[in-house]
Protein backbone atom coordinates (compact mmCIF):
# COMPACT_ATOMS: atom_id res chain seq x y z
CA MET A 1 -0.02 -0.16 0.00
CA ARG A 2 1.59 3.23 -1.16
CA ARG A 3 0.40 5.88 0.58
CA PHE A 4 1.04 4.18 3.74
CA PHE A 5 4.91 3.65 2.64
CA MET A 6 5.36 6.97 1.38
CA LEU A 7 3.76 9.15 4.74
CA ILE A 8 4.27 6.72 7.53
CA VAL A 9 4.97 3.67 8.91
CA ILE A 10 2.22 1.01 9.44
CA ALA A 11 1.72 -1.74 11.27
CA GLY A 12 0.11 -4.96 10.42
CA LEU A 13 -1.50 -4.92 6.90
CA VAL A 14 -3.75 -7.66 6.15
CA ALA A 15 -4.11 -7.50 2.68
CA ALA A 16 -2.69 -5.74 -0.99
CA PRO A 17 -5.35 -3.78 -2.46
CA LEU A 18 -6.41 -4.03 -6.16
CA ALA A 19 -5.21 -1.40 -8.01
CA PRO A 20 -6.93 -0.25 -10.87
CA ARG A 21 -6.16 3.45 -12.46
CA VAL A 22 -9.07 5.89 -11.92
CA SER A 23 -8.65 9.63 -11.69
CA SER A 24 -9.00 11.41 -8.22
CA ARG A 25 -10.63 14.16 -9.62
CA GLN A 26 -13.93 13.07 -9.63
CA ALA A 27 -16.60 15.08 -7.01
CA VAL A 28 -16.39 14.26 -3.60
CA THR A 29 -19.23 15.13 -0.88
CA ARG A 30 -19.47 14.43 2.85
CA HIS A 31 -22.27 14.04 4.95
CA VAL A 32 -22.89 13.57 8.62
CA LEU A 33 -25.69 11.26 9.40
CA GLU A 34 -27.80 10.81 12.43
CA ASN A 35 -25.30 8.60 14.35
CA GLY A 36 -22.30 11.03 14.34
CA LEU A 37 -20.90 9.06 11.26
CA THR A 38 -18.77 11.45 8.82
CA VAL A 39 -19.59 9.93 5.49
CA ILE A 40 -17.65 11.23 2.44
CA ILE A 41 -18.26 9.76 -0.81
CA LYS A 42 -16.09 9.83 -4.57
CA GLU A 43 -18.36 9.27 -7.07
CA ASN A 44 -16.44 7.34 -9.85
CA PRO A 45 -18.38 5.38 -12.95
CA ALA A 46 -15.44 4.54 -14.64
CA SER A 47 -14.21 1.76 -12.19
CA ASP A 48 -16.67 -0.86 -11.45
CA LEU A 49 -15.00 -1.48 -8.16
CA VAL A 50 -16.28 0.35 -4.83
CA VAL A 51 -13.56 1.08 -1.33
CA THR A 52 -15.48 1.11 1.85
CA GLU A 53 -13.13 2.55 3.79
CA ALA A 54 -13.51 3.05 7.61
CA ILE A 55 -11.20 5.39 9.41
CA VAL A 56 -10.83 5.32 13.25
CA ARG A 57 -9.73 8.16 15.26
CA ALA A 58 -7.40 5.48 17.67
CA GLY A 59 -4.01 4.87 17.59
CA SER A 60 -1.04 5.16 19.89
CA ARG A 61 -1.94 8.62 20.14
CA VAL A 62 -4.93 7.95 22.02
CA GLU A 63 -3.36 4.78 24.51
CA GLU A 64 -2.55 5.22 28.27
CA PRO A 65 0.74 4.32 29.19
CA PRO A 66 -0.43 0.90 30.51
CA GLN A 67 -2.45 0.01 27.72
CA THR A 68 0.54 0.55 25.10
CA GLY A 69 -0.55 -1.52 21.74
CA ILE A 70 -4.40 -1.76 22.82
CA THR A 71 -4.98 -0.14 19.27
CA PHE A 72 -2.99 -3.00 17.62
CA PHE A 73 -4.36 -5.43 19.65
CA VAL A 74 -8.07 -4.95 18.79
CA ARG A 75 -7.97 -4.47 15.28
CA ALA A 76 -6.42 -7.64 15.27
CA MET A 77 -9.02 -9.47 17.62
CA MET A 78 -11.84 -7.66 15.56
CA LEU A 79 -10.54 -9.66 12.28
CA ARG A 80 -10.53 -12.76 14.73
CA GLY A 81 -14.06 -13.29 14.76
CA THR A 82 -17.44 -11.37 15.69
CA GLN A 83 -20.87 -12.19 17.20
CA ARG A 84 -21.90 -13.37 13.59
CA ARG A 85 -18.60 -15.25 12.04
CA SER A 86 -15.51 -16.68 13.23
CA GLY A 87 -11.82 -15.63 11.96
CA PRO A 88 -12.19 -18.33 8.93
CA GLU A 89 -15.68 -17.16 7.96
CA ILE A 90 -15.14 -13.36 7.65
CA ALA A 91 -11.91 -14.52 5.50
CA GLN A 92 -14.66 -16.67 3.20
CA ALA A 93 -17.32 -13.57 3.44
CA ILE A 94 -14.70 -11.64 1.17
CA GLU A 95 -13.00 -14.01 -0.39
CA SER A 96 -16.51 -15.84 -1.91
CA ILE A 97 -17.19 -12.61 -3.84
CA GLY A 98 -13.62 -11.68 -4.87
CA GLY A 99 -12.97 -9.16 -3.01
CA GLN A 100 -10.41 -7.94 -0.34
CA LEU A 101 -10.30 -6.89 2.97
CA GLY A 102 -7.59 -4.70 4.46
CA GLY A 103 -6.34 -2.70 7.66
CA GLY A 104 -3.49 -1.35 9.72
CA THR A 105 -2.58 0.58 13.15
CA ALA A 106 -0.58 4.35 12.85
CA ALA A 107 -0.20 6.55 15.39
CA ASP A 108 -3.45 8.46 14.80
CA PHE A 109 -5.56 5.96 13.52
CA THR A 110 -6.33 2.86 12.41
CA VAL A 111 -8.10 1.71 9.01
CA LEU A 112 -10.25 -1.30 7.45
CA HIS A 113 -11.36 -1.49 4.13
CA THR A 114 -13.16 -3.64 1.73
CA ILE A 115 -12.81 -3.71 -2.08
CA THR A 116 -15.81 -5.15 -3.89
CA THR A 117 -17.41 -4.99 -7.35
CA SER A 118 -20.18 -2.63 -7.49
CA ARG A 119 -22.42 -5.77 -7.77
CA HIS A 120 -21.36 -6.88 -4.47
CA VAL A 121 -20.74 -3.63 -2.30
CA ASP A 122 -23.94 -4.42 -0.06
CA ALA A 123 -22.13 -7.61 1.51
CA GLY A 124 -18.58 -5.30 1.66
CA MET A 125 -20.27 -3.37 3.50
CA ASP A 126 -22.62 -5.47 6.27
CA LEU A 127 -19.14 -7.48 6.85
CA LEU A 128 -17.05 -4.06 7.53
CA ALA A 129 -19.95 -2.97 9.87
CA ASP A 130 -20.25 -6.22 11.56
CA LEU A 131 -16.20 -5.99 12.56
CA LEU A 132 -16.95 -2.30 13.93
CA THR A 133 -19.81 -3.12 16.00
CA ASP A 134 -19.96 -6.54 17.20
CA ALA A 135 -16.44 -8.06 17.28
CA ARG A 136 -16.61 -11.50 19.73
CA PHE A 137 -13.32 -10.39 21.69
CA ASP A 138 -13.46 -15.02 22.08
CA PRO A 139 -11.12 -15.10 25.23
CA GLN A 140 -9.15 -18.47 23.76
CA GLU A 141 -8.70 -15.57 20.39
CA VAL A 142 -7.06 -13.19 22.75
CA GLU A 143 -4.21 -15.20 23.78
CA THR A 144 -3.87 -16.79 20.50
CA GLN A 145 -3.57 -12.89 19.46
CA ARG A 146 -1.07 -12.15 22.80
CA ARG A 147 1.31 -14.53 21.70
CA VAL A 148 1.50 -13.36 18.20
CA SER A 149 1.95 -9.51 19.26
CA LEU A 150 4.57 -11.14 22.02
CA SER A 151 6.20 -12.54 18.91
CA ARG A 152 5.91 -9.33 16.89
CA ILE A 153 7.64 -7.28 19.19
CA GLY A 154 10.12 -9.96 19.70
CA GLN A 155 11.13 -9.86 16.44
CA SER A 156 10.52 -5.72 16.24
CA SER A 157 13.54 -5.69 18.95
CA ASP A 158 15.52 -7.59 16.78
CA GLN A 159 15.71 -4.96 14.01
CA PRO A 160 18.39 -2.59 15.03
CA LEU A 161 17.17 0.43 13.14
CA GLN A 162 13.81 -0.20 14.53
CA GLU A 163 15.40 -0.10 18.45
CA ALA A 164 16.89 3.08 16.89
CA VAL A 165 13.71 4.57 15.87
CA ASP A 166 12.19 3.92 19.00
CA LEU A 167 15.14 5.06 21.02
CA PHE A 168 14.48 8.93 18.93
CA ASN A 169 10.74 8.47 19.73
CA ALA A 170 11.32 8.60 23.16
CA ALA A 171 13.66 11.39 23.71
CA LEU A 172 11.73 13.33 21.20
CA TYR A 173 8.29 13.57 22.53
CA SER A 174 8.95 13.33 26.09
CA TYR A 175 5.55 13.32 27.20
CA HIS A 176 3.50 12.70 24.45
CA PRO A 177 2.11 9.17 23.60
CA TYR A 178 3.62 9.51 20.28
CA ALA A 179 6.70 8.30 22.29
CA GLN A 180 4.48 4.89 22.35
CA PRO A 181 5.30 1.77 20.12
CA ILE A 182 2.32 0.50 18.04
CA PHE A 183 2.79 -3.00 18.54
CA GLY A 184 3.04 -2.14 22.56
CA THR A 185 6.08 -3.01 24.92
CA PRO A 186 6.06 -7.02 26.51
CA GLU A 187 4.75 -5.65 30.27
CA SER A 188 2.19 -3.75 28.42
CA VAL A 189 0.65 -6.64 25.80
CA ARG A 190 0.57 -9.39 28.50
CA THR A 191 -1.17 -7.12 31.25
CA LEU A 192 -4.11 -6.06 28.83
CA THR A 193 -7.62 -8.11 29.59
CA ARG A 194 -10.26 -8.76 27.72
CA ASP A 195 -12.34 -6.16 29.43
CA ASP A 196 -9.45 -3.78 28.74
CA LEU A 197 -9.83 -4.62 25.04
CA VAL A 198 -13.38 -4.70 24.83
CA GLY A 199 -13.65 -1.41 26.60
CA PHE A 200 -11.28 0.51 24.54
CA TYR A 201 -12.95 -1.04 21.50
CA ARG A 202 -16.44 0.03 22.87
CA ALA A 203 -15.05 3.23 23.67
CA TYR A 204 -13.13 4.68 20.29
CA PHE A 205 -14.63 2.18 17.74
CA THR A 206 -18.25 4.75 17.44
CA ALA A 207 -19.75 6.64 15.07
CA PRO A 208 -18.59 10.03 16.00
CA ASN A 209 -15.31 9.06 16.49
CA ILE A 210 -15.04 7.42 12.55
CA VAL A 211 -15.24 8.71 9.35
CA LEU A 212 -16.24 6.44 6.39
CA VAL A 213 -15.34 7.18 3.07
CA VAL A 214 -16.84 4.91 -0.50
CA ALA A 215 -15.02 5.62 -3.75
CA GLY A 216 -15.65 3.99 -6.59
CA ASN A 217 -18.86 3.05 -9.07
CA LEU A 218 -22.02 4.43 -7.06
CA SER A 219 -23.59 7.35 -7.07
CA GLN A 220 -23.77 9.82 -4.10
CA GLU A 221 -27.26 9.23 -3.49
CA VAL A 222 -27.33 5.48 -3.88
CA ALA A 223 -23.96 5.42 -1.64
CA LEU A 224 -25.36 7.21 1.09
CA ASP A 225 -28.61 5.18 1.42
CA LYS A 226 -26.24 2.09 1.47
CA VAL A 227 -24.25 3.64 4.43
CA ARG A 228 -27.41 4.35 6.10
CA ARG A 229 -28.53 0.85 6.39
CA ALA A 230 -25.21 -1.00 6.77
CA PHE A 231 -24.00 1.31 9.28
CA ALA A 232 -27.04 2.14 11.46
CA ARG A 233 -25.83 -0.39 13.92
CA LEU A 234 -23.06 1.49 14.85
CA ARG A 235 -22.60 3.09 18.64
CA ALA A 236 -23.55 6.49 18.79
CA ASP A 237 -21.58 7.37 21.68
CA PRO A 238 -18.89 10.23 21.47
CA PRO A 239 -15.20 9.78 22.23
CA PRO A 240 -13.63 10.13 25.28
CA ARG A 241 -12.72 13.14 26.50
CA ARG A 242 -8.85 11.99 26.07
CA THR A 243 -9.44 13.08 22.54
CA GLY A 244 -10.82 16.52 23.02
CA TRP A 245 -7.94 17.69 25.30
CA LEU A 246 -4.78 16.16 23.41
CA ARG A 247 -5.16 18.24 21.14
CA ALA A 248 -4.66 21.54 23.33
CA VAL A 249 -2.59 19.72 25.12
CA GLU A 250 -0.24 18.42 23.11
CA ARG A 251 2.55 21.22 22.51
CA ALA A 252 3.12 21.24 25.85
CA LEU A 253 3.72 17.31 26.18
CA ALA A 254 6.07 17.24 23.56
CA PRO A 255 8.22 20.34 23.68
CA ALA A 256 10.90 21.40 21.38
CA PRO A 257 14.01 20.54 22.67
CA SER A 258 15.72 23.06 24.64
CA ALA A 259 19.77 21.49 23.73
CA PRO A 260 20.87 18.51 22.03
CA ARG A 261 19.76 15.21 22.79
CA GLU A 262 21.71 12.12 22.03
CA ILE A 263 20.98 8.68 23.11
CA ARG A 264 23.49 5.52 22.82
CA GLN A 265 22.71 1.74 23.00
CA THR A 266 25.46 -0.52 22.77
CA ARG A 267 24.17 -4.09 20.95
CA GLU A 268 26.86 -6.86 19.67
CA VAL A 269 25.51 -5.75 15.91
CA SER A 270 27.55 -5.92 12.57
CA ALA A 271 26.21 -2.01 11.62
CA ALA A 272 26.18 0.89 13.39
CA TRP A 273 22.34 3.12 13.00
CA ILE A 274 21.16 5.86 13.17
CA ALA A 275 18.25 8.21 13.85
CA LEU A 276 18.36 11.43 14.05
CA GLY A 277 15.96 14.64 13.62
CA TYR A 278 13.83 17.60 14.87
CA LEU A 279 10.38 18.33 16.25
CA THR A 280 8.33 19.99 13.42
CA VAL A 281 4.60 20.72 12.68
CA PRO A 282 1.41 19.27 13.21
CA ALA A 283 -1.10 18.89 9.75
CA GLY A 284 -1.90 21.75 9.08
CA HIS A 285 0.57 23.74 9.62
CA ARG A 286 1.74 26.76 7.41
CA ASP A 287 5.06 25.39 7.43
CA PHE A 288 4.41 21.76 6.44
CA PRO A 289 5.03 22.48 2.24
CA ALA A 290 7.76 23.75 2.82
CA LEU A 291 9.34 21.45 4.99
CA ARG A 292 8.24 19.07 2.82
CA VAL A 293 10.47 20.65 -0.02
CA LEU A 294 12.92 20.76 2.54
CA ASN A 295 12.90 16.62 3.10
CA ALA A 296 12.39 15.98 -0.25
CA ILE A 297 16.25 18.25 -1.57
CA LEU A 298 17.61 16.37 1.89
CA GLY A 299 17.03 12.69 2.29
CA GLU A 300 13.78 11.51 -0.52
CA GLY A 301 15.41 9.19 -3.12
CA GLN A 302 18.64 8.78 -4.86
CA SER A 303 19.40 12.15 -5.66
CA SER A 304 18.77 13.97 -2.57
CA ARG A 305 21.82 15.39 -0.51
CA LEU A 306 22.35 12.64 1.95
CA PHE A 307 22.04 10.24 -0.61
CA VAL A 308 24.58 11.49 -3.19
CA GLU A 309 26.85 12.72 -0.33
CA ILE A 310 27.15 10.21 2.14
CA ARG A 311 26.36 6.74 -0.17
CA GLU A 312 27.35 7.72 -3.48
CA LYS A 313 30.42 10.18 -3.24
CA ARG A 314 32.40 8.85 -0.17
CA GLY A 315 30.26 5.02 0.05
CA MET A 316 29.75 5.43 3.96
CA ALA A 317 26.31 4.59 4.49
CA TYR A 318 24.34 1.07 3.67
CA GLN A 319 21.21 3.27 3.28
CA VAL A 320 20.34 6.53 3.87
CA GLY A 321 17.64 9.12 3.80
CA SER A 322 15.10 11.10 5.92
CA ALA A 323 11.42 10.98 6.16
CA LEU A 324 8.86 13.73 7.60
CA PRO A 325 5.08 12.37 8.07
CA LEU A 326 2.07 13.87 8.36
CA ARG A 327 0.40 13.57 11.82
CA ALA A 328 -2.52 15.18 14.08
CA GLY A 329 0.07 16.36 16.42
CA PRO A 330 3.52 17.30 16.77
CA GLY A 331 5.65 15.96 13.66
CA TYR A 332 9.33 15.13 12.94
CA ILE A 333 11.94 14.97 10.36
CA ARG A 334 13.93 12.21 10.61
CA LEU A 335 17.33 11.17 9.05
CA SER A 336 18.28 7.42 9.13
CA ALA A 337 21.80 5.65 7.91
CA GLY A 338 22.76 2.51 8.58
CA THR A 339 26.80 1.96 8.46
CA ALA A 340 29.52 0.47 8.99
CA PRO A 341 30.89 1.20 12.77
CA PRO A 342 34.03 2.41 12.35
CA VAL A 343 32.45 5.06 10.11
CA LEU A 344 29.73 6.03 12.59
CA SER A 345 31.18 9.55 13.78
CA ALA A 346 32.02 9.87 9.80
CA VAL A 347 28.43 9.33 8.43
CA VAL A 348 27.09 12.05 11.75
CA THR A 349 29.15 14.45 11.18
CA GLU A 350 28.22 14.45 7.26
CA MET A 351 24.27 14.54 8.42
CA PHE A 352 24.89 17.81 10.41
CA ARG A 353 27.09 19.36 7.44
CA GLU A 354 24.09 18.65 5.00
CA ILE A 355 21.42 20.33 8.25
CA GLU A 356 24.00 23.33 8.00
CA ARG A 357 23.99 23.71 4.69
CA LEU A 358 20.15 24.44 4.59
CA ARG A 359 20.12 26.42 7.76
CA THR A 360 22.93 28.31 6.16
CA ASP A 361 21.97 29.38 2.42
CA PRO A 362 18.82 28.72 0.65
CA PRO A 363 18.58 26.03 -2.11
CA PRO A 364 18.93 27.16 -5.28
CA PRO A 365 15.59 27.31 -7.60
CA ASP A 366 16.31 24.67 -9.69
CA GLU A 367 16.64 22.33 -6.98
CA ILE A 368 13.66 23.74 -5.55
CA GLU A 369 12.08 23.10 -8.80
CA LYS A 370 13.42 19.51 -8.78
CA ALA A 371 12.42 18.69 -5.39
CA ARG A 372 8.79 20.28 -6.32
CA ARG A 373 8.32 17.99 -8.97
CA GLY A 374 9.23 15.07 -7.09
CA ILE A 375 6.39 15.62 -4.56
CA ILE A 376 3.88 16.23 -6.58
CA GLY A 377 4.62 13.35 -9.61
CA ARG A 378 4.65 11.14 -5.87
CA TYR A 379 1.66 12.29 -5.46
CA VAL A 380 0.05 11.48 -8.40
CA LEU A 381 1.67 8.05 -8.28
CA ALA A 382 -0.06 7.28 -4.75
CA HIS A 383 -3.10 8.12 -5.89
CA GLU A 384 -3.25 5.68 -8.85
CA ASP A 385 -5.21 3.34 -7.54
CA LEU A 386 -8.93 3.84 -5.53
CA GLU A 387 -8.52 2.54 -2.27
CA ALA A 388 -5.70 4.64 -2.26
CA GLN A 389 -7.49 7.51 -2.68
CA ALA A 390 -10.20 6.91 -0.59
CA PHE A 391 -7.77 6.32 2.42
CA TYR A 392 -6.38 10.12 1.78
CA LEU A 393 -9.59 11.49 1.85
CA GLY A 394 -10.21 9.89 4.72
CA TRP A 395 -6.99 10.01 6.46
CA TYR A 396 -6.58 14.52 5.78
CA GLU A 397 -10.46 14.50 7.32
CA VAL A 398 -9.35 12.53 10.76
CA LEU A 399 -6.14 14.72 10.81
CA GLY A 400 -8.16 18.09 11.06
CA VAL A 401 -7.11 19.33 7.95
CA GLY A 402 -10.37 18.48 5.83
CA PHE A 403 -10.49 15.80 2.58
CA GLU A 404 -10.15 18.93 0.68
CA TYR A 405 -6.55 19.34 1.59
CA ASP A 406 -5.76 15.88 -1.03
CA GLN A 407 -6.27 18.66 -3.83
CA GLN A 408 -5.18 21.59 -2.10
CA PHE A 409 -1.55 19.64 -1.28
CA PRO A 410 0.25 20.32 -4.82
CA ASP A 411 -0.85 23.38 -5.20
CA LEU A 412 0.82 24.60 -1.34
CA VAL A 413 3.73 22.64 -2.98
CA SER A 414 3.94 24.14 -6.25
CA ARG A 415 4.17 27.81 -4.68
CA VAL A 416 6.85 26.64 -2.10
CA THR A 417 10.39 29.07 -2.77
CA PRO A 418 13.97 28.87 -1.46
CA ALA A 419 13.23 31.46 0.59
CA ASP A 420 10.47 29.30 2.35
CA VAL A 421 13.01 26.58 2.78
CA HIS A 422 16.01 28.41 4.28
CA ARG A 423 13.12 29.89 6.15
CA VAL A 424 11.46 26.81 7.81
CA ALA A 425 15.41 24.65 8.19
CA ARG A 426 16.54 28.15 10.34
CA ARG A 427 13.22 27.70 12.46
CA TYR A 428 12.76 23.77 12.78
CA LEU A 429 16.72 22.19 12.55
CA ASN A 430 17.62 23.57 15.79
CA ASN A 431 18.43 21.25 18.83
CA HIS A 432 18.65 17.82 17.72
CA VAL A 433 17.39 14.26 19.32
CA LEU A 434 20.10 11.40 17.67
CA ALA A 435 19.99 8.03 18.24
CA VAL A 436 22.36 5.30 17.87
CA VAL A 437 22.47 1.70 18.29
CA ALA A 438 25.91 0.14 17.25
CA PRO A 439 28.51 -2.04 18.69
CA ALA A 440 30.87 -0.92 21.73
CA ALA A 441 33.95 -0.04 19.15
CA ALA A 442 31.63 1.96 16.67
CA LYS A 443 33.28 5.05 16.73
């Protein structure tokens, strides 16, 4: 699922989407139903497919520290059975109509979607509504999933780059839930009870906390009627108060570092792994487009400054790049690299050198133009398939910037100037957080 790969790390995808090439420019409408469900409809008569995508405002951002990983656990349990269907019957229900069922969990949201032909859209919506309203949480299945989750956590901890990223997140987000790993910790997953899971499911998987997107070969009127009937049983309770006050206080929970922070963990691994970055801005902030162009110049792709200077010219890193996720709360820009232990310090020095170049001098206009073209081109590619189009509309709505942002984004990027990039570099690339996982002999 390209849009997850490009913008954020997604945990636990269930199935890859069908990918018909369709236009992303059809009219989009937004509706709020009586039970509080937000519905976004995008007609596309050029495709015989229909995507029904439910994006829930539930992820590590809303989790209490003792329940880290509960969102991922709950989503996994939804797929293990409902009051009407067992796990195998869920799979059979979607496969028998030639459709697909997929989903993922991230820091800001959880998503579940079905892809069906327009002929079978009712069956796809019925299955999705069943998962959102009547998950069973069978005690034996809870224990089975607990073992799966603990195994996944163990597997993740064996990956030194992921460990460096986790250390980076914990240091950057001092008190904010973004510091928490999506899968949870061994301690939290072992102590989560069935009652905890059911309580979280009933609190967060409610109509007012969900954005439902329908995209494909259905008229607005028909799609809205089908949604009303299929999702009438969604709980109408408002989301927990935590979701409301978090937005008001989260900048205080994630203050910009007042001084550099550096963390090093010694492990007997063959390579040294680096995560270096800075606190930035939430979705909708006026500086995000300029930061997006800055990130493209710095570390996106094989023509970026980091890749050319550190890997191509000096041959000092196995992999190197940068990422700038879009988040509901304070975001970050993070540089990462894997290198041979003897040249660890040299790679870090080169990273800082590239950062300082951006802080000192505006990038030349041709480099800005190349970065803008690349971002917009990747945007177009990311919207090739119908499921991705549906996801982006719902994702921006959940982030709080509105589904219209999906169409506005290329224009915002096209307006970024060298002065804009220089300004945001000077404003945000200060007081870094550096996390390193490396053997003791690394220098």
